[in-house]
Amino acid sequence: MILILSGTNRPGSNTRKVAEYVLQAAKSITTEEVKLLSLEDVPNSILHDQMYSGDAMHSEIVAIQDYYVLPANKMIVLSPEYNGSFAGMLKMFIDALSVRKYAENFKGKSGALIGIASGRAGNLRGLEHLTGLLNYLGMHIHPTKLPISSIGNVIGEDDQLDEATQEAINGLLKSFLVG
């Protein structure tokens, strides 16, 4: 199974819009099951003072982990730029998973990274930070990362990506999913 993870909990984010395109594009080039998890849909109730205790892990995060994360053999993580790095919610989500079935979440799995930014660098710095974290957890990160810069200029009023961005995403997906 392939998991597409939209790495922000900001409602209506451009990251989610790009993730929805990635979902459809991935489904068109692979026969594997593809699922989208947006951190926008993860309940805030998972964040509590006992979240790092395996015994007190919130049942909703266990359900998300069992349905999305554990069965995935490949992950495509979309990360918006937050203060020169990736979103704190993404780090909290990864941390919340770490108290249960630690190695099964990321170790030995393959990952591809897409950065989203309103500026010119496409969150390259954040993608490097995220690469280091995911490598530490044992994930193999695809060497080609896709920074999408000036997101406000590549998403139209109809929430559709421009043709060049679609082609770049399709190229990454073919390289990552097909080889």
C-alpha atoms as a PDB file:
ATOM      1  CA  MET A   1       0.000   0.000   0.000  1.00  0.00           C
ATOM      2  CA  ILE A   2       1.144   3.538  -0.777  1.00  0.00           C
ATOM      3  CA  LEU A   3       0.425   6.293   1.733  1.00  0.00           C
ATOM      4  CA  ILE A   4       0.268   9.921   0.686  1.00  0.00           C
ATOM      5  CA  LEU A   5       0.691  12.102   3.762  1.00  0.00           C
ATOM      6  CA  SER A   6      -0.311  15.758   3.654  1.00  0.00           C
ATOM      7  CA  GLY A   7       1.926  17.149   6.387  1.00  0.00           C
ATOM      8  CA  THR A   8      -0.070  20.025   7.847  1.00  0.00           C
ATOM      9  CA  ASN A   9      -3.226  20.346   9.891  1.00  0.00           C
ATOM     10  CA  ARG A  10      -4.054  23.765   8.416  1.00  0.00           C
ATOM     11  CA  PRO A  11      -7.613  23.613   7.014  1.00  0.00           C
ATOM     12  CA  GLY A  12      -7.898  24.085   3.254  1.00  0.00           C
ATOM     13  CA  SER A  13      -4.135  24.137   2.732  1.00  0.00           C
ATOM     14  CA  ASN A  14      -2.405  24.187  -0.630  1.00  0.00           C
ATOM     15  CA  THR A  15      -0.490  21.129   0.560  1.00  0.00           C
ATOM     16  CA  ARG A  16      -3.730  19.163   0.712  1.00  0.00           C
ATOM     17  CA  LYS A  17      -4.694  20.375  -2.772  1.00  0.00           C
ATOM     18  CA  VAL A  18      -1.377  19.119  -4.145  1.00  0.00           C
ATOM     19  CA  ALA A  19      -1.764  15.859  -2.167  1.00  0.00           C
ATOM     20  CA  GLU A  20      -5.153  15.248  -3.780  1.00  0.00           C
ATOM     21  CA  TYR A  21      -3.535  15.631  -7.220  1.00  0.00           C
ATOM     22  CA  VAL A  22      -0.746  13.247  -6.149  1.00  0.00           C
ATOM     23  CA  LEU A  23      -3.398  10.736  -5.034  1.00  0.00           C
ATOM     24  CA  GLN A  24      -5.133  10.732  -8.418  1.00  0.00           C
ATOM     25  CA  ALA A  25      -1.852  10.678 -10.354  1.00  0.00           C
ATOM     26  CA  ALA A  26      -0.495   7.771  -8.275  1.00  0.00           C
ATOM     27  CA  LYS A  27      -3.691   5.793  -8.770  1.00  0.00           C
ATOM     28  CA  SER A  28      -3.340   6.248 -12.533  1.00  0.00           C
ATOM     29  CA  ILE A  29       0.187   4.772 -12.700  1.00  0.00           C
ATOM     30  CA  THR A  30       0.101   1.919 -10.178  1.00  0.00           C
ATOM     31  CA  THR A  31      -2.143  -0.998  -9.373  1.00  0.00           C
ATOM     32  CA  GLU A  32      -1.178  -0.820  -5.696  1.00  0.00           C
ATOM     33  CA  GLU A  33      -3.701   0.529  -3.225  1.00  0.00           C
ATOM     34  CA  VAL A  34      -3.139   4.249  -2.562  1.00  0.00           C
ATOM     35  CA  LYS A  35      -4.494   6.117   0.472  1.00  0.00           C
ATOM     36  CA  LEU A  36      -4.369   9.783   1.426  1.00  0.00           C
ATOM     37  CA  LEU A  37      -3.994  10.896   5.033  1.00  0.00           C
ATOM     38  CA  SER A  38      -4.147  14.619   5.692  1.00  0.00           C
ATOM     39  CA  LEU A  39      -3.061  15.779   9.113  1.00  0.00           C
ATOM     40  CA  GLU A  40      -5.980  18.197   8.795  1.00  0.00           C
ATOM     41  CA  ASP A  41      -8.184  15.146   9.467  1.00  0.00           C
ATOM     42  CA  VAL A  42      -6.231  13.890  12.482  1.00  0.00           C
ATOM     43  CA  PRO A  43      -8.130  14.849  15.635  1.00  0.00           C
ATOM     44  CA  ASN A  44      -6.409  17.265  17.995  1.00  0.00           C
ATOM     45  CA  SER A  45      -7.456  14.970  20.833  1.00  0.00           C
ATOM     46  CA  ILE A  46      -4.400  12.799  20.079  1.00  0.00           C
ATOM     47  CA  LEU A  47      -2.290  15.570  21.583  1.00  0.00           C
ATOM     48  CA  HIS A  48      -2.341  15.199  25.335  1.00  0.00           C
ATOM     49  CA  ASP A  49       0.112  14.929  28.192  1.00  0.00           C
ATOM     50  CA  GLN A  50       0.159  11.119  28.068  1.00  0.00           C
ATOM     51  CA  MET A  51       0.679  10.794  24.295  1.00  0.00           C
ATOM     52  CA  TYR A  52       4.142   9.276  24.738  1.00  0.00           C
ATOM     53  CA  SER A  53       2.899   6.432  26.899  1.00  0.00           C
ATOM     54  CA  GLY A  54       2.086   3.294  24.943  1.00  0.00           C
ATOM     55  CA  ASP A  55      -0.616   2.416  27.459  1.00  0.00           C
ATOM     56  CA  ALA A  56      -2.284   5.836  27.133  1.00  0.00           C
ATOM     57  CA  MET A  57      -1.969   6.195  23.358  1.00  0.00           C
ATOM     58  CA  HIS A  58      -5.216   7.672  22.081  1.00  0.00           C
ATOM     59  CA  SER A  59      -7.447   5.116  20.337  1.00  0.00           C
ATOM     60  CA  GLU A  60      -7.840   7.415  17.311  1.00  0.00           C
ATOM     61  CA  ILE A  61      -4.085   7.535  16.674  1.00  0.00           C
ATOM     62  CA  VAL A  62      -3.946   3.738  17.037  1.00  0.00           C
ATOM     63  CA  ALA A  63      -6.691   3.436  14.408  1.00  0.00           C
ATOM     64  CA  ILE A  64      -4.874   5.832  12.058  1.00  0.00           C
ATOM     65  CA  GLN A  65      -1.619   3.978  12.588  1.00  0.00           C
ATOM     66  CA  ASP A  66      -3.248   0.599  11.897  1.00  0.00           C
ATOM     67  CA  TYR A  67      -5.164   1.777   8.804  1.00  0.00           C
ATOM     68  CA  TYR A  68      -2.656   4.096   7.145  1.00  0.00           C
ATOM     69  CA  VAL A  69       0.881   3.821   8.469  1.00  0.00           C
ATOM     70  CA  LEU A  70       1.585   0.190   9.320  1.00  0.00           C
ATOM     71  CA  PRO A  71       0.271  -1.329   6.046  1.00  0.00           C
ATOM     72  CA  ALA A  72       2.158   1.200   3.888  1.00  0.00           C
ATOM     73  CA  ASN A  73       5.316  -0.010   2.190  1.00  0.00           C
ATOM     74  CA  LYS A  74       5.838   3.341   0.448  1.00  0.00           C
ATOM     75  CA  MET A  75       5.054   6.867   1.600  1.00  0.00           C
ATOM     76  CA  ILE A  76       4.894  10.133  -0.261  1.00  0.00           C
ATOM     77  CA  VAL A  77       5.139  12.965   2.242  1.00  0.00           C
ATOM     78  CA  LEU A  78       4.114  16.467   1.251  1.00  0.00           C
ATOM     79  CA  SER A  79       5.627  19.051   3.539  1.00  0.00           C
ATOM     80  CA  PRO A  80       4.790  22.740   3.534  1.00  0.00           C
ATOM     81  CA  GLU A  81       7.423  25.193   4.684  1.00  0.00           C
ATOM     82  CA  TYR A  82       6.909  26.363   8.254  1.00  0.00           C
ATOM     83  CA  ASN A  83       9.574  28.727   9.563  1.00  0.00           C
ATOM     84  CA  GLY A  84      12.306  27.305   7.342  1.00  0.00           C
ATOM     85  CA  SER A  85      11.491  23.669   8.087  1.00  0.00           C
ATOM     86  CA  PHE A  86       8.478  21.348   8.183  1.00  0.00           C
ATOM     87  CA  ALA A  87       5.285  21.685  10.193  1.00  0.00           C
ATOM     88  CA  GLY A  88       5.393  20.969  13.907  1.00  0.00           C
ATOM     89  CA  MET A  89       2.194  18.945  13.551  1.00  0.00           C
ATOM     90  CA  LEU A  90       4.039  16.546  11.231  1.00  0.00           C
ATOM     91  CA  LYS A  91       6.755  16.078  13.836  1.00  0.00           C
ATOM     92  CA  MET A  92       4.142  15.595  16.581  1.00  0.00           C
ATOM     93  CA  PHE A  93       2.373  13.003  14.427  1.00  0.00           C
ATOM     94  CA  ILE A  94       5.605  11.078  13.852  1.00  0.00           C
ATOM     95  CA  ASP A  95       6.417  11.320  17.563  1.00  0.00           C
ATOM     96  CA  ALA A  96       2.936  10.088  18.529  1.00  0.00           C
ATOM     97  CA  LEU A  97       3.424   7.002  16.357  1.00  0.00           C
ATOM     98  CA  SER A  98       6.792   6.234  17.913  1.00  0.00           C
ATOM     99  CA  VAL A  99       5.394   4.867  21.170  1.00  0.00           C
ATOM    100  CA  ARG A 100       3.728   1.869  19.540  1.00  0.00           C
ATOM    101  CA  LYS A 101       5.291  -0.541  17.041  1.00  0.00           C
ATOM    102  CA  TYR A 102       8.248   1.820  16.659  1.00  0.00           C
ATOM    103  CA  ALA A 103      10.201  -0.039  13.982  1.00  0.00           C
ATOM    104  CA  GLU A 104       7.150  -1.057  11.954  1.00  0.00           C
ATOM    105  CA  ASN A 105       6.106   2.523  11.235  1.00  0.00           C
ATOM    106  CA  PHE A 106       9.013   3.600   9.022  1.00  0.00           C
ATOM    107  CA  LYS A 107      11.937   1.146   9.135  1.00  0.00           C
ATOM    108  CA  GLY A 108      12.732  -0.422   5.765  1.00  0.00           C
ATOM    109  CA  LYS A 109       9.996   1.512   3.961  1.00  0.00           C
ATOM    110  CA  SER A 110      10.561   3.757   0.960  1.00  0.00           C
ATOM    111  CA  GLY A 111       9.666   7.427   0.947  1.00  0.00           C
ATOM    112  CA  ALA A 112       9.450  10.299  -1.504  1.00  0.00           C
ATOM    113  CA  LEU A 113       9.282  13.929  -0.435  1.00  0.00           C
ATOM    114  CA  ILE A 114       7.515  16.918  -1.956  1.00  0.00           C
ATOM    115  CA  GLY A 115       8.019  20.401  -0.532  1.00  0.00           C
ATOM    116  CA  ILE A 116       5.447  23.177  -0.792  1.00  0.00           C
ATOM    117  CA  ALA A 117       6.316  26.841  -0.299  1.00  0.00           C
ATOM    118  CA  SER A 118       5.041  30.265  -1.148  1.00  0.00           C
ATOM    119  CA  GLY A 119       8.647  31.388  -1.581  1.00  0.00           C
ATOM    120  CA  ARG A 120      11.327  30.453  -4.080  1.00  0.00           C
ATOM    121  CA  ALA A 121      13.017  27.410  -2.523  1.00  0.00           C
ATOM    122  CA  GLY A 122      10.115  24.944  -2.353  1.00  0.00           C
ATOM    123  CA  ASN A 123      10.944  24.056   1.267  1.00  0.00           C
ATOM    124  CA  LEU A 124      14.292  22.474   0.373  1.00  0.00           C
ATOM    125  CA  ARG A 125      15.621  23.109   3.885  1.00  0.00           C
ATOM    126  CA  GLY A 126      12.552  21.499   5.446  1.00  0.00           C
ATOM    127  CA  LEU A 127      12.883  18.515   3.115  1.00  0.00           C
ATOM    128  CA  GLU A 128      16.475  18.043   4.290  1.00  0.00           C
ATOM    129  CA  HIS A 129      15.357  18.193   7.929  1.00  0.00           C
ATOM    130  CA  LEU A 130      12.596  15.683   7.191  1.00  0.00           C
ATOM    131  CA  THR A 131      15.025  13.435   5.301  1.00  0.00           C
ATOM    132  CA  GLY A 132      17.309  13.329   8.334  1.00  0.00           C
ATOM    133  CA  LEU A 133      14.421  12.441  10.644  1.00  0.00           C
ATOM    134  CA  LEU A 134      13.018   9.727   8.372  1.00  0.00           C
ATOM    135  CA  ASN A 135      16.497   8.280   7.720  1.00  0.00           C
ATOM    136  CA  TYR A 136      17.002   8.102  11.491  1.00  0.00           C
ATOM    137  CA  LEU A 137      13.762   6.103  11.718  1.00  0.00           C
ATOM    138  CA  GLY A 138      15.075   3.698   9.055  1.00  0.00           C
ATOM    139  CA  MET A 139      13.169   4.906   6.002  1.00  0.00           C
ATOM    140  CA  HIS A 140      14.869   4.898   2.603  1.00  0.00           C
ATOM    141  CA  ILE A 141      14.275   8.287   0.990  1.00  0.00           C
ATOM    142  CA  HIS A 142      14.136   8.571  -2.799  1.00  0.00           C
ATOM    143  CA  PRO A 143      17.098  10.670  -3.934  1.00  0.00           C
ATOM    144  CA  THR A 144      14.939  13.003  -6.026  1.00  0.00           C
ATOM    145  CA  LYS A 145      12.980  15.449  -3.918  1.00  0.00           C
ATOM    146  CA  LEU A 146      10.437  17.746  -5.529  1.00  0.00           C
ATOM    147  CA  PRO A 147      10.372  21.341  -4.272  1.00  0.00           C
ATOM    148  CA  ILE A 148       7.280  23.218  -5.446  1.00  0.00           C
ATOM    149  CA  SER A 149       7.951  26.946  -5.178  1.00  0.00           C
ATOM    150  CA  SER A 150       5.598  29.921  -5.443  1.00  0.00           C
ATOM    151  CA  ILE A 151       2.611  27.677  -4.782  1.00  0.00           C
ATOM    152  CA  GLY A 152       0.213  30.595  -5.146  1.00  0.00           C
ATOM    153  CA  ASN A 153       1.292  30.905  -8.782  1.00  0.00           C
ATOM    154  CA  VAL A 154       0.976  27.210  -9.697  1.00  0.00           C
ATOM    155  CA  ILE A 155      -2.500  26.576  -8.280  1.00  0.00           C
ATOM    156  CA  GLY A 156      -5.266  28.262 -10.216  1.00  0.00           C
ATOM    157  CA  GLU A 157      -8.527  29.655  -8.877  1.00  0.00           C
ATOM    158  CA  ASP A 158     -10.075  26.273  -9.700  1.00  0.00           C
ATOM    159  CA  ASP A 159      -7.512  24.583  -7.361  1.00  0.00           C
ATOM    160  CA  GLN A 160      -5.883  22.890 -10.369  1.00  0.00           C
ATOM    161  CA  LEU A 161      -2.111  22.705 -10.698  1.00  0.00           C
ATOM    162  CA  ASP A 162      -0.446  24.183 -13.743  1.00  0.00           C
ATOM    163  CA  GLU A 163       0.801  21.797 -16.415  1.00  0.00           C
ATOM    164  CA  ALA A 164       4.509  22.105 -15.556  1.00  0.00           C
ATOM    165  CA  THR A 165       3.869  21.206 -11.912  1.00  0.00           C
ATOM    166  CA  GLN A 166       1.688  18.262 -12.914  1.00  0.00           C
ATOM    167  CA  GLU A 167       4.472  17.007 -15.194  1.00  0.00           C
ATOM    168  CA  ALA A 168       7.058  17.351 -12.411  1.00  0.00           C
ATOM    169  CA  ILE A 169       4.855  15.414  -9.983  1.00  0.00           C
ATOM    170  CA  ASN A 170       4.125  12.734 -12.578  1.00  0.00           C
ATOM    171  CA  GLY A 171       7.859  12.361 -13.251  1.00  0.00           C
ATOM    172  CA  LEU A 172       8.633  11.923  -9.559  1.00  0.00           C
ATOM    173  CA  LEU A 173       5.826   9.394  -9.144  1.00  0.00           C
ATOM    174  CA  LYS A 174       6.959   7.337 -12.141  1.00  0.00           C
ATOM    175  CA  SER A 175      10.533   7.332 -10.858  1.00  0.00           C
ATOM    176  CA  PHE A 176       9.513   6.440  -7.309  1.00  0.00           C
ATOM    177  CA  LEU A 177       6.644   4.010  -7.908  1.00  0.00           C
ATOM    178  CA  VAL A 178       7.636   2.346 -11.172  1.00  0.00           C
ATOM    179  CA  GLY A 179      11.410   2.684 -11.186  1.00  0.00           C
END
